[in-house]
Structures are given as C-alpha cells and as structure tokens.
C-alpha cells in the first residue's frame, strides 16, 4: 500500500498537507480529512460539487478530463482553465505532491 501526499488550499487560503493511498480519489482524501467539500454524488461524476483548481505545474501530469467530466464542469460555477473534478483524479506516484485549491462553493 503506497501512501502519497497532496497539498490542498481551502477557501480561506489555508494550506493543508494530506496523505492518501494510491488509487484513492483526491475528493475522498479531501473529504476524509474534514475539509469543506460537498462531493454530493460520492465520486460518480454527476454533480461538480468537488470542483478544484489544479496548480499550473501539475496540469500536464493529470489524465485529460473525460467528456463526462467536461460536461459536469460546464454546469459548475467559477470554472477556470485549471478546473477539474477531484473525484476524477486518482492518486498515484506521478501525483505525489499534487497541489489543488478548493473552488468556491456553488451558491
């Protein structure tokens, strides 16, 4: 069981270093560490309430978004070029140290 680290900036600008097991969804790691992420669909790519911004230096390391993820992001608020759904990012050795910021909540 390989454990890796991600760095999450919350909506107040506070940085959190979290550990997760290889293969876990970034959304699960954020949620299980009691950070304020709704993740209403539980990782089914059906809601966009786990929207995050990926730091520029990490964008090219992620698997490109699926059409389904792009459609969900079209329904999200405050979407930027570096927006992703954290339920669609699986932790791996290549993503050890990943930096994301929680997007503003949908009003």
PDB file of N, CA and C in Angstrom:
ATOM      1  N   UNK A   1       0.848  -1.166   0.000  1.00  0.00           N
ATOM      2  CA  UNK A   1       0.000   0.000   0.000  1.00  0.00           C
ATOM      3  C   UNK A   1       0.900   1.237   0.000  1.00  0.00           C
ATOM      4  N   UNK A   2       0.869   1.975  -1.095  1.00  0.00           N
ATOM      5  CA  UNK A   2       1.675   3.183  -1.216  1.00  0.00           C
ATOM      6  C   UNK A   2       0.883   4.400  -0.765  1.00  0.00           C
ATOM      7  N   UNK A   3       1.513   5.241   0.036  1.00  0.00           N
ATOM      8  CA  UNK A   3       0.875   6.453   0.545  1.00  0.00           C
ATOM      9  C   UNK A   3       1.600   7.654  -0.049  1.00  0.00           C
ATOM     10  N   UNK A   4       0.797   8.592  -0.554  1.00  0.00           N
ATOM     11  CA  UNK A   4       1.329   9.801  -1.173  1.00  0.00           C
ATOM     12  C   UNK A   4       0.705  11.038  -0.530  1.00  0.00           C
ATOM     13  N   UNK A   5       1.255  12.180  -0.856  1.00  0.00           N
ATOM     14  CA  UNK A   5       0.833  13.439  -0.257  1.00  0.00           C
ATOM     15  C   UNK A   5       0.211  14.352  -1.305  1.00  0.00           C
ATOM     16  N   UNK A   6      -0.833  15.076  -0.885  1.00  0.00           N
ATOM     17  CA  UNK A   6      -1.373  16.159  -1.699  1.00  0.00           C
ATOM     18  C   UNK A   6      -1.418  17.412  -0.826  1.00  0.00           C
ATOM     19  N   UNK A   7      -1.409  18.570  -1.479  1.00  0.00           N
ATOM     20  CA  UNK A   7      -1.480  19.849  -0.776  1.00  0.00           C
ATOM     21  C   UNK A   7      -2.757  20.543  -1.241  1.00  0.00           C
ATOM     22  N   UNK A   8      -3.607  20.849  -0.270  1.00  0.00           N
ATOM     23  CA  UNK A   8      -4.910  21.443  -0.572  1.00  0.00           C
ATOM     24  C   UNK A   8      -5.008  22.812   0.082  1.00  0.00           C
ATOM     25  N   UNK A   9      -5.366  23.802  -0.703  1.00  0.00           N
ATOM     26  CA  UNK A   9      -5.642  25.129  -0.168  1.00  0.00           C
ATOM     27  C   UNK A   9      -7.153  25.261  -0.053  1.00  0.00           C
ATOM     28  N   UNK A  10      -7.613  25.567   1.166  1.00  0.00           N
ATOM     29  CA  UNK A  10      -9.050  25.697   1.375  1.00  0.00           C
ATOM     30  C   UNK A  10      -9.545  27.064   0.915  1.00  0.00           C
ATOM     31  N   UNK A  11     -10.826  27.308   1.073  1.00  0.00           N
ATOM     32  CA  UNK A  11     -11.426  28.547   0.570  1.00  0.00           C
ATOM     33  C   UNK A  11     -11.010  29.779   1.353  1.00  0.00           C
ATOM     34  N   UNK A  12     -10.413  29.591   2.507  1.00  0.00           N
ATOM     35  CA  UNK A  12      -9.913  30.718   3.303  1.00  0.00           C
ATOM     36  C   UNK A  12      -8.429  30.982   3.035  1.00  0.00           C
ATOM     37  N   UNK A  13      -7.816  30.175   2.169  1.00  0.00           N
ATOM     38  CA  UNK A  13      -6.415  30.357   1.826  1.00  0.00           C
ATOM     39  C   UNK A  13      -5.449  29.574   2.691  1.00  0.00           C
ATOM     40  N   UNK A  14      -5.971  28.712   3.567  1.00  0.00           N
ATOM     41  CA  UNK A  14      -5.109  27.888   4.428  1.00  0.00           C
ATOM     42  C   UNK A  14      -4.659  26.641   3.678  1.00  0.00           C
ATOM     43  N   UNK A  15      -3.401  26.287   3.841  1.00  0.00           N
ATOM     44  CA  UNK A  15      -2.828  25.123   3.165  1.00  0.00           C
ATOM     45  C   UNK A  15      -2.852  23.908   4.093  1.00  0.00           C
ATOM     46  N   UNK A  16      -3.221  22.776   3.518  1.00  0.00           N
ATOM     47  CA  UNK A  16      -3.294  21.523   4.259  1.00  0.00           C
ATOM     48  C   UNK A  16      -2.507  20.462   3.496  1.00  0.00           C
ATOM     49  N   UNK A  17      -1.642  19.750   4.190  1.00  0.00           N
ATOM     50  CA  UNK A  17      -0.922  18.634   3.594  1.00  0.00           C
ATOM     51  C   UNK A  17      -1.621  17.363   4.049  1.00  0.00           C
ATOM     52  N   UNK A  18      -2.105  16.594   3.071  1.00  0.00           N
ATOM     53  CA  UNK A  18      -2.899  15.400   3.361  1.00  0.00           C
ATOM     54  C   UNK A  18      -2.232  14.175   2.756  1.00  0.00           C
ATOM     55  N   UNK A  19      -2.434  13.042   3.403  1.00  0.00           N
ATOM     56  CA  UNK A  19      -1.918  11.784   2.871  1.00  0.00           C
ATOM     57  C   UNK A  19      -3.067  10.931   2.370  1.00  0.00           C
ATOM     58  N   UNK A  20      -2.788  10.182   1.324  1.00  0.00           N
ATOM     59  CA  UNK A  20      -3.788   9.288   0.769  1.00  0.00           C
ATOM     60  C   UNK A  20      -3.133   8.063   0.174  1.00  0.00           C
ATOM     61  N   UNK A  21      -3.930   7.038   0.038  1.00  0.00           N
ATOM     62  CA  UNK A  21      -3.460   5.764  -0.510  1.00  0.00           C
ATOM     63  C   UNK A  21      -3.573   5.795  -2.034  1.00  0.00           C
ATOM     64  N   UNK A  22      -2.581   5.221  -2.678  1.00  0.00           N
ATOM     65  CA  UNK A  22      -2.583   5.125  -4.139  1.00  0.00           C
ATOM     66  C   UNK A  22      -3.910   4.556  -4.617  1.00  0.00           C
ATOM     67  N   UNK A  23      -4.485   5.214  -5.625  1.00  0.00           N
ATOM     68  CA  UNK A  23      -5.749   4.763  -6.197  1.00  0.00           C
ATOM     69  C   UNK A  23      -6.964   5.470  -5.617  1.00  0.00           C
ATOM     70  N   UNK A  24      -6.809   6.147  -4.470  1.00  0.00           N
ATOM     71  CA  UNK A  24      -7.931   6.908  -3.904  1.00  0.00           C
ATOM     72  C   UNK A  24      -8.192   8.124  -4.762  1.00  0.00           C
ATOM     73  N   UNK A  25      -9.436   8.538  -4.776  1.00  0.00           N
ATOM     74  CA  UNK A  25      -9.801   9.771  -5.463  1.00  0.00           C
ATOM     75  C   UNK A  25      -9.368  10.957  -4.599  1.00  0.00           C
ATOM     76  N   UNK A  26      -8.867  12.000  -5.227  1.00  0.00           N
ATOM     77  CA  UNK A  26      -8.469  13.196  -4.486  1.00  0.00           C
ATOM     78  C   UNK A  26      -9.657  13.706  -3.671  1.00  0.00           C
ATOM     79  N   UNK A  27     -10.854  13.618  -4.204  1.00  0.00           N
ATOM     80  CA  UNK A  27     -12.061  14.027  -3.485  1.00  0.00           C
ATOM     81  C   UNK A  27     -12.193  13.269  -2.171  1.00  0.00           C
ATOM     82  N   UNK A  28     -11.937  11.965  -2.176  1.00  0.00           N
ATOM     83  CA  UNK A  28     -12.053  11.157  -0.958  1.00  0.00           C
ATOM     84  C   UNK A  28     -11.045  11.602   0.099  1.00  0.00           C
ATOM     85  N   UNK A  29      -9.859  11.913  -0.336  1.00  0.00           N
ATOM     86  CA  UNK A  29      -8.808  12.341   0.594  1.00  0.00           C
ATOM     87  C   UNK A  29      -9.203  13.671   1.239  1.00  0.00           C
ATOM     88  N   UNK A  30      -9.699  14.595   0.433  1.00  0.00           N
ATOM     89  CA  UNK A  30     -10.122  15.895   0.955  1.00  0.00           C
ATOM     90  C   UNK A  30     -11.294  15.709   1.924  1.00  0.00           C
ATOM     91  N   UNK A  31     -12.291  14.966   1.517  1.00  0.00           N
ATOM     92  CA  UNK A  31     -13.480  14.744   2.347  1.00  0.00           C
ATOM     93  C   UNK A  31     -13.136  14.023   3.640  1.00  0.00           C
ATOM     94  N   UNK A  32     -12.306  12.989   3.557  1.00  0.00           N
ATOM     95  CA  UNK A  32     -11.970  12.197   4.743  1.00  0.00           C
ATOM     96  C   UNK A  32     -11.106  12.954   5.739  1.00  0.00           C
ATOM     97  N   UNK A  33     -10.552  14.087   5.313  1.00  0.00           N
ATOM     98  CA  UNK A  33      -9.775  14.931   6.217  1.00  0.00           C
ATOM     99  C   UNK A  33     -10.588  16.137   6.694  1.00  0.00           C
ATOM    100  N   UNK A  34     -11.889  16.033   6.546  1.00  0.00           N
ATOM    101  CA  UNK A  34     -12.843  17.019   7.064  1.00  0.00           C
ATOM    102  C   UNK A  34     -12.671  18.425   6.501  1.00  0.00           C
ATOM    103  N   UNK A  35     -12.194  18.525   5.272  1.00  0.00           N
ATOM    104  CA  UNK A  35     -12.175  19.821   4.613  1.00  0.00           C
ATOM    105  C   UNK A  35     -13.539  20.023   3.949  1.00  0.00           C
ATOM    106  N   UNK A  36     -13.962  21.270   3.779  1.00  0.00           N
ATOM    107  CA  UNK A  36     -15.325  21.539   3.298  1.00  0.00           C
ATOM    108  C   UNK A  36     -15.508  21.313   1.799  1.00  0.00           C
ATOM    109  N   UNK A  37     -15.726  20.058   1.448  1.00  0.00           N
ATOM    110  CA  UNK A  37     -16.030  19.705   0.059  1.00  0.00           C
ATOM    111  C   UNK A  37     -17.298  18.864   0.096  1.00  0.00           C
ATOM    112  N   UNK A  38     -18.286  19.235  -0.702  1.00  0.00           N
ATOM    113  CA  UNK A  38     -19.579  18.546  -0.637  1.00  0.00           C
ATOM    114  C   UNK A  38     -19.516  17.145  -1.242  1.00  0.00           C
ATOM    115  N   UNK A  39     -19.031  17.041  -2.456  1.00  0.00           N
ATOM    116  CA  UNK A  39     -18.946  15.741  -3.132  1.00  0.00           C
ATOM    117  C   UNK A  39     -20.262  14.980  -3.018  1.00  0.00           C
ATOM    118  N   UNK A  40     -21.330  15.647  -3.389  1.00  0.00           N
ATOM    119  CA  UNK A  40     -22.670  15.105  -3.200  1.00  0.00           C
ATOM    120  C   UNK A  40     -22.923  13.774  -3.889  1.00  0.00           C
ATOM    121  N   UNK A  41     -22.311  13.549  -5.039  1.00  0.00           N
ATOM    122  CA  UNK A  41     -22.581  12.300  -5.771  1.00  0.00           C
ATOM    123  C   UNK A  41     -21.657  11.162  -5.346  1.00  0.00           C
ATOM    124  N   UNK A  42     -20.711  11.454  -4.463  1.00  0.00           N
ATOM    125  CA  UNK A  42     -19.831  10.411  -3.952  1.00  0.00           C
ATOM    126  C   UNK A  42     -18.773   9.931  -4.925  1.00  0.00           C
ATOM    127  N   UNK A  43     -18.551  10.664  -5.986  1.00  0.00           N
ATOM    128  CA  UNK A  43     -17.497  10.292  -6.927  1.00  0.00           C
ATOM    129  C   UNK A  43     -17.999   9.738  -8.241  1.00  0.00           C
ATOM    130  N   UNK A  44     -19.288   9.896  -8.514  1.00  0.00           N
ATOM    131  CA  UNK A  44     -19.872   9.350  -9.741  1.00  0.00           C
ATOM    132  C   UNK A  44     -19.803  10.305 -10.930  1.00  0.00           C
ATOM    133  N   UNK A  45     -19.128  11.435 -10.762  1.00  0.00           N
ATOM    134  CA  UNK A  45     -19.012  12.445 -11.828  1.00  0.00           C
ATOM    135  C   UNK A  45     -20.397  12.911 -12.266  1.00  0.00           C
ATOM    136  N   UNK A  46     -21.247  13.196 -11.250  1.00  0.00           N
ATOM    137  CA  UNK A  46     -22.620  13.563 -11.555  1.00  0.00           C
ATOM    138  C   UNK A  46     -23.071  14.860 -10.890  1.00  0.00           C
ATOM    139  N   UNK A  47     -22.121  15.665 -10.325  1.00  0.00           N
ATOM    140  CA  UNK A  47     -22.611  16.861  -9.643  1.00  0.00           C
ATOM    141  C   UNK A  47     -21.693  18.083  -9.720  1.00  0.00           C
ATOM    142  N   UNK A  48     -20.417  17.957  -9.775  1.00  0.00           N
ATOM    143  CA  UNK A  48     -19.445  19.068  -9.813  1.00  0.00           C
ATOM    144  C   UNK A  48     -19.260  19.756  -8.470  1.00  0.00           C
ATOM    145  N   UNK A  49     -19.716  19.168  -7.361  1.00  0.00           N
ATOM    146  CA  UNK A  49     -19.532  19.789  -6.042  1.00  0.00           C
ATOM    147  C   UNK A  49     -18.175  19.443  -5.424  1.00  0.00           C
ATOM    148  N   UNK A  50     -17.304  18.804  -6.189  1.00  0.00           N
ATOM    149  CA  UNK A  50     -15.933  18.526  -5.743  1.00  0.00           C
ATOM    150  C   UNK A  50     -14.924  19.274  -6.618  1.00  0.00           C
ATOM    151  N   UNK A  51     -15.380  20.362  -7.194  1.00  0.00           N
ATOM    152  CA  UNK A  51     -14.601  21.192  -8.117  1.00  0.00           C
ATOM    153  C   UNK A  51     -13.369  21.760  -7.419  1.00  0.00           C
ATOM    154  N   UNK A  52     -12.211  21.588  -8.053  1.00  0.00           N
ATOM    155  CA  UNK A  52     -10.954  22.155  -7.550  1.00  0.00           C
ATOM    156  C   UNK A  52     -10.208  22.815  -8.702  1.00  0.00           C
ATOM    157  N   UNK A  53      -9.237  23.654  -8.324  1.00  0.00           N
ATOM    158  CA  UNK A  53      -8.303  24.231  -9.281  1.00  0.00           C
ATOM    159  C   UNK A  53      -6.969  23.535  -9.091  1.00  0.00           C
ATOM    160  N   UNK A  54      -6.410  23.032 -10.161  1.00  0.00           N
ATOM    161  CA  UNK A  54      -5.127  22.329 -10.124  1.00  0.00           C
ATOM    162  C   UNK A  54      -4.018  23.339 -10.400  1.00  0.00           C
ATOM    163  N   UNK A  55      -2.984  23.315  -9.560  1.00  0.00           N
ATOM    164  CA  UNK A  55      -1.847  24.223  -9.753  1.00  0.00           C
ATOM    165  C   UNK A  55      -1.264  24.017 -11.150  1.00  0.00           C
ATOM    166  N   UNK A  56      -0.851  25.111 -11.801  1.00  0.00           N
ATOM    167  CA  UNK A  56      -0.382  25.038 -13.199  1.00  0.00           C
ATOM    168  C   UNK A  56       0.686  23.977 -13.450  1.00  0.00           C
ATOM    169  N   UNK A  57       1.633  23.842 -12.535  1.00  0.00           N
ATOM    170  CA  UNK A  57       2.716  22.881 -12.759  1.00  0.00           C
ATOM    171  C   UNK A  57       2.260  21.424 -12.713  1.00  0.00           C
ATOM    172  N   UNK A  58       1.031  21.178 -12.271  1.00  0.00           N
ATOM    173  CA  UNK A  58       0.511  19.815 -12.179  1.00  0.00           C
ATOM    174  C   UNK A  58      -0.466  19.464 -13.298  1.00  0.00           C
ATOM    175  N   UNK A  59      -0.969  20.448 -13.995  1.00  0.00           N
ATOM    176  CA  UNK A  59      -1.998  20.189 -15.005  1.00  0.00           C
ATOM    177  C   UNK A  59      -1.581  19.170 -16.052  1.00  0.00           C
ATOM    178  N   UNK A  60      -0.365  19.268 -16.539  1.00  0.00           N
ATOM    179  CA  UNK A  60       0.104  18.358 -17.575  1.00  0.00           C
ATOM    180  C   UNK A  60       0.349  16.941 -17.105  1.00  0.00           C
ATOM    181  N   UNK A  61       0.364  16.730 -15.812  1.00  0.00           N
ATOM    182  CA  UNK A  61       0.596  15.382 -15.267  1.00  0.00           C
ATOM    183  C   UNK A  61      -0.689  14.591 -15.083  1.00  0.00           C
ATOM    184  N   UNK A  62      -1.826  15.284 -15.155  1.00  0.00           N
ATOM    185  CA  UNK A  62      -3.107  14.613 -14.961  1.00  0.00           C
ATOM    186  C   UNK A  62      -3.589  13.955 -16.242  1.00  0.00           C
ATOM    187  N   UNK A  63      -4.328  12.890 -16.086  1.00  0.00           N
ATOM    188  CA  UNK A  63      -5.005  12.290 -17.231  1.00  0.00           C
ATOM    189  C   UNK A  63      -6.026  13.313 -17.719  1.00  0.00           C
ATOM    190  N   UNK A  64      -6.132  13.545 -19.015  1.00  0.00           N
ATOM    191  CA  UNK A  64      -7.097  14.533 -19.511  1.00  0.00           C
ATOM    192  C   UNK A  64      -8.525  14.212 -19.053  1.00  0.00           C
ATOM    193  N   UNK A  65      -9.342  15.243 -18.891  1.00  0.00           N
ATOM    194  CA  UNK A  65     -10.724  15.008 -18.460  1.00  0.00           C
ATOM    195  C   UNK A  65     -11.515  14.258 -19.525  1.00  0.00           C
ATOM    196  N   UNK A  66     -12.425  13.438 -19.058  1.00  0.00           N
ATOM    197  CA  UNK A  66     -13.322  12.724 -19.970  1.00  0.00           C
ATOM    198  C   UNK A  66     -14.407  13.689 -20.451  1.00  0.00           C
ATOM    199  N   UNK A  67     -15.141  13.297 -21.484  1.00  0.00           N
ATOM    200  CA  UNK A  67     -16.265  14.115 -21.955  1.00  0.00           C
ATOM    201  C   UNK A  67     -17.278  14.314 -20.834  1.00  0.00           C
ATOM    202  N   UNK A  68     -17.490  13.278 -20.031  1.00  0.00           N
ATOM    203  CA  UNK A  68     -18.432  13.350 -18.912  1.00  0.00           C
ATOM    204  C   UNK A  68     -17.997  14.418 -17.898  1.00  0.00           C
ATOM    205  N   UNK A  69     -16.705  14.445 -17.572  1.00  0.00           N
ATOM    206  CA  UNK A  69     -16.208  15.451 -16.631  1.00  0.00           C
ATOM    207  C   UNK A  69     -16.351  16.854 -17.221  1.00  0.00           C
ATOM    208  N   UNK A  70     -16.039  17.021 -18.483  1.00  0.00           N
ATOM    209  CA  UNK A  70     -16.163  18.323 -19.142  1.00  0.00           C
ATOM    210  C   UNK A  70     -17.618  18.802 -19.099  1.00  0.00           C
ATOM    211  N   UNK A  71     -18.557  17.897 -19.345  1.00  0.00           N
ATOM    212  CA  UNK A  71     -19.981  18.248 -19.279  1.00  0.00           C
ATOM    213  C   UNK A  71     -20.370  18.706 -17.877  1.00  0.00           C
ATOM    214  N   UNK A  72     -19.874  18.025 -16.850  1.00  0.00           N
ATOM    215  CA  UNK A  72     -20.178  18.414 -15.467  1.00  0.00           C
ATOM    216  C   UNK A  72     -19.560  19.772 -15.142  1.00  0.00           C
ATOM    217  N   UNK A  73     -18.347  20.013 -15.594  1.00  0.00           N
ATOM    218  CA  UNK A  73     -17.712  21.309 -15.348  1.00  0.00           C
ATOM    219  C   UNK A  73     -18.464  22.441 -16.045  1.00  0.00           C
ATOM    220  N   UNK A  74     -19.118  22.131 -17.168  1.00  0.00           N
ATOM    221  CA  UNK A  74     -19.927  23.140 -17.849  1.00  0.00           C
ATOM    222  C   UNK A  74     -21.072  23.628 -16.972  1.00  0.00           C
ATOM    223  N   UNK A  75     -21.481  22.814 -16.003  1.00  0.00           N
ATOM    224  CA  UNK A  75     -22.574  23.171 -15.103  1.00  0.00           C
ATOM    225  C   UNK A  75     -22.071  23.785 -13.793  1.00  0.00           C
ATOM    226  N   UNK A  76     -20.759  23.812 -13.591  1.00  0.00           N
ATOM    227  CA  UNK A  76     -20.185  24.335 -12.353  1.00  0.00           C
ATOM    228  C   UNK A  76     -20.036  25.857 -12.434  1.00  0.00           C
ATOM    229  N   UNK A  77     -19.855  26.467 -11.272  1.00  0.00           N
ATOM    230  CA  UNK A  77     -19.611  27.909 -11.187  1.00  0.00           C
ATOM    231  C   UNK A  77     -18.112  28.162 -11.054  1.00  0.00           C
ATOM    232  N   UNK A  78     -17.674  29.345 -11.446  1.00  0.00           N
ATOM    233  CA  UNK A  78     -16.290  29.779 -11.265  1.00  0.00           C
ATOM    234  C   UNK A  78     -15.279  28.845 -11.948  1.00  0.00           C
ATOM    235  N   UNK A  79     -15.629  28.344 -13.122  1.00  0.00           N
ATOM    236  CA  UNK A  79     -14.754  27.426 -13.858  1.00  0.00           C
ATOM    237  C   UNK A  79     -13.604  28.211 -14.486  1.00  0.00           C
ATOM    238  N   UNK A  80     -12.414  27.680 -14.346  1.00  0.00           N
ATOM    239  CA  UNK A  80     -11.201  28.263 -14.917  1.00  0.00           C
ATOM    240  C   UNK A  80     -10.535  27.212 -15.810  1.00  0.00           C
ATOM    241  N   UNK A  81      -9.476  27.600 -16.499  1.00  0.00           N
ATOM    242  CA  UNK A  81      -8.755  26.660 -17.374  1.00  0.00           C
ATOM    243  C   UNK A  81      -8.186  25.481 -16.599  1.00  0.00           C
ATOM    244  N   UNK A  82      -7.877  25.682 -15.315  1.00  0.00           N
ATOM    245  CA  UNK A  82      -7.281  24.629 -14.497  1.00  0.00           C
ATOM    246  C   UNK A  82      -8.298  23.919 -13.616  1.00  0.00           C
ATOM    247  N   UNK A  83      -9.582  24.059 -13.933  1.00  0.00           N
ATOM    248  CA  UNK A  83     -10.636  23.397 -13.161  1.00  0.00           C
ATOM    249  C   UNK A  83     -10.689  21.907 -13.456  1.00  0.00           C
ATOM    250  N   UNK A  84     -10.884  21.140 -12.402  1.00  0.00           N
ATOM    251  CA  UNK A  84     -11.099  19.692 -12.529  1.00  0.00           C
ATOM    252  C   UNK A  84     -12.055  19.257 -11.430  1.00  0.00           C
ATOM    253  N   UNK A  85     -12.662  18.101 -11.619  1.00  0.00           N
ATOM    254  CA  UNK A  85     -13.451  17.473 -10.565  1.00  0.00           C
ATOM    255  C   UNK A  85     -12.520  16.546  -9.807  1.00  0.00           C
ATOM    256  N   UNK A  86     -12.400  16.770  -8.504  1.00  0.00           N
ATOM    257  CA  UNK A  86     -11.436  15.988  -7.721  1.00  0.00           C
ATOM    258  C   UNK A  86     -11.822  14.518  -7.628  1.00  0.00           C
ATOM    259  N   UNK A  87     -13.071  14.185  -7.924  1.00  0.00           N
ATOM    260  CA  UNK A  87     -13.467  12.772  -7.920  1.00  0.00           C
ATOM    261  C   UNK A  87     -12.898  12.024  -9.125  1.00  0.00           C
ATOM    262  N   UNK A  88     -12.407  12.764 -10.107  1.00  0.00           N
ATOM    263  CA  UNK A  88     -11.875  12.140 -11.315  1.00  0.00           C
ATOM    264  C   UNK A  88     -10.351  12.097 -11.337  1.00  0.00           C
ATOM    265  N   UNK A  89      -9.718  12.494 -10.230  1.00  0.00           N
ATOM    266  CA  UNK A  89      -8.263  12.466 -10.137  1.00  0.00           C
ATOM    267  C   UNK A  89      -7.878  11.368  -9.152  1.00  0.00           C
ATOM    268  N   UNK A  90      -7.219  10.330  -9.652  1.00  0.00           N
ATOM    269  CA  UNK A  90      -6.793   9.219  -8.805  1.00  0.00           C
ATOM    270  C   UNK A  90      -5.350   9.419  -8.385  1.00  0.00           C
ATOM    271  N   UNK A  91      -5.112   9.290  -7.081  1.00  0.00           N
ATOM    272  CA  UNK A  91      -3.767   9.483  -6.551  1.00  0.00           C
ATOM    273  C   UNK A  91      -2.833   8.384  -7.040  1.00  0.00           C
ATOM    274  N   UNK A  92      -1.642   8.798  -7.460  1.00  0.00           N
ATOM    275  CA  UNK A  92      -0.638   7.867  -7.963  1.00  0.00           C
ATOM    276  C   UNK A  92       0.744   8.419  -7.643  1.00  0.00           C
ATOM    277  N   UNK A  93       1.763   7.624  -7.886  1.00  0.00           N
ATOM    278  CA  UNK A  93       3.132   8.075  -7.646  1.00  0.00           C
ATOM    279  C   UNK A  93       3.436   9.335  -8.453  1.00  0.00           C
ATOM    280  N   UNK A  94       2.899   9.426  -9.659  1.00  0.00           N
ATOM    281  CA  UNK A  94       3.130  10.584 -10.515  1.00  0.00           C
ATOM    282  C   UNK A  94       2.513  11.849  -9.935  1.00  0.00           C
ATOM    283  N   UNK A  95       1.518  11.690  -9.056  1.00  0.00           N
ATOM    284  CA  UNK A  95       0.825  12.844  -8.486  1.00  0.00           C
ATOM    285  C   UNK A  95       1.219  13.106  -7.031  1.00  0.00           C
ATOM    286  N   UNK A  96       2.269  12.446  -6.564  1.00  0.00           N
ATOM    287  CA  UNK A  96       2.742  12.688  -5.198  1.00  0.00           C
ATOM    288  C   UNK A  96       3.161  14.150  -5.080  1.00  0.00           C
ATOM    289  N   UNK A  97       2.517  14.893  -4.178  1.00  0.00           N
ATOM    290  CA  UNK A  97       2.791  16.309  -4.018  1.00  0.00           C
ATOM    291  C   UNK A  97       1.816  17.213  -4.753  1.00  0.00           C
ATOM    292  N   UNK A  98       0.802  16.643  -5.397  1.00  0.00           N
ATOM    293  CA  UNK A  98      -0.204  17.402  -6.144  1.00  0.00           C
ATOM    294  C   UNK A  98      -0.724  18.584  -5.327  1.00  0.00           C
ATOM    295  N   UNK A  99      -0.895  19.715  -5.997  1.00  0.00           N
ATOM    296  CA  UNK A  99      -1.417  20.916  -5.351  1.00  0.00           C
ATOM    297  C   UNK A  99      -2.744  21.318  -5.993  1.00  0.00           C
ATOM    298  N   UNK A 100      -3.787  21.422  -5.154  1.00  0.00           N
ATOM    299  CA  UNK A 100      -5.098  21.850  -5.618  1.00  0.00           C
ATOM    300  C   UNK A 100      -5.661  22.886  -4.647  1.00  0.00           C
ATOM    301  N   UNK A 101      -6.595  23.667  -5.159  1.00  0.00           N
ATOM    302  CA  UNK A 101      -7.314  24.656  -4.353  1.00  0.00           C
ATOM    303  C   UNK A 101      -8.795  24.392  -4.501  1.00  0.00           C
ATOM    304  N   UNK A 102      -9.520  24.407  -3.383  1.00  0.00           N
ATOM    305  CA  UNK A 102     -10.962  24.217  -3.444  1.00  0.00           C
ATOM    306  C   UNK A 102     -11.601  25.402  -4.151  1.00  0.00           C
ATOM    307  N   UNK A 103     -12.445  25.116  -5.126  1.00  0.00           N
ATOM    308  CA  UNK A 103     -13.167  26.170  -5.838  1.00  0.00           C
ATOM    309  C   UNK A 103     -14.267  26.717  -4.922  1.00  0.00           C
ATOM    310  N   UNK A 104     -14.723  27.950  -5.175  1.00  0.00           N
ATOM    311  CA  UNK A 104     -15.825  28.477  -4.373  1.00  0.00           C
ATOM    312  C   UNK A 104     -17.039  27.565  -4.458  1.00  0.00           C
ATOM    313  N   UNK A 105     -17.794  27.525  -3.373  1.00  0.00           N
ATOM    314  CA  UNK A 105     -18.984  26.686  -3.374  1.00  0.00           C
ATOM    315  C   UNK A 105     -20.016  27.229  -4.346  1.00  0.00           C
ATOM    316  N   UNK A 106     -20.823  26.318  -4.877  1.00  0.00           N
ATOM    317  CA  UNK A 106     -21.900  26.716  -5.768  1.00  0.00           C
ATOM    318  C   UNK A 106     -22.998  27.327  -4.905  1.00  0.00           C
ATOM    319  N   UNK A 107     -23.454  28.508  -5.273  1.00  0.00           N
ATOM    320  CA  UNK A 107     -24.485  29.195  -4.479  1.00  0.00           C
ATOM    321  C   UNK A 107     -25.863  28.713  -4.824  1.00  0.00           C
TER     322      UNK A 107
END
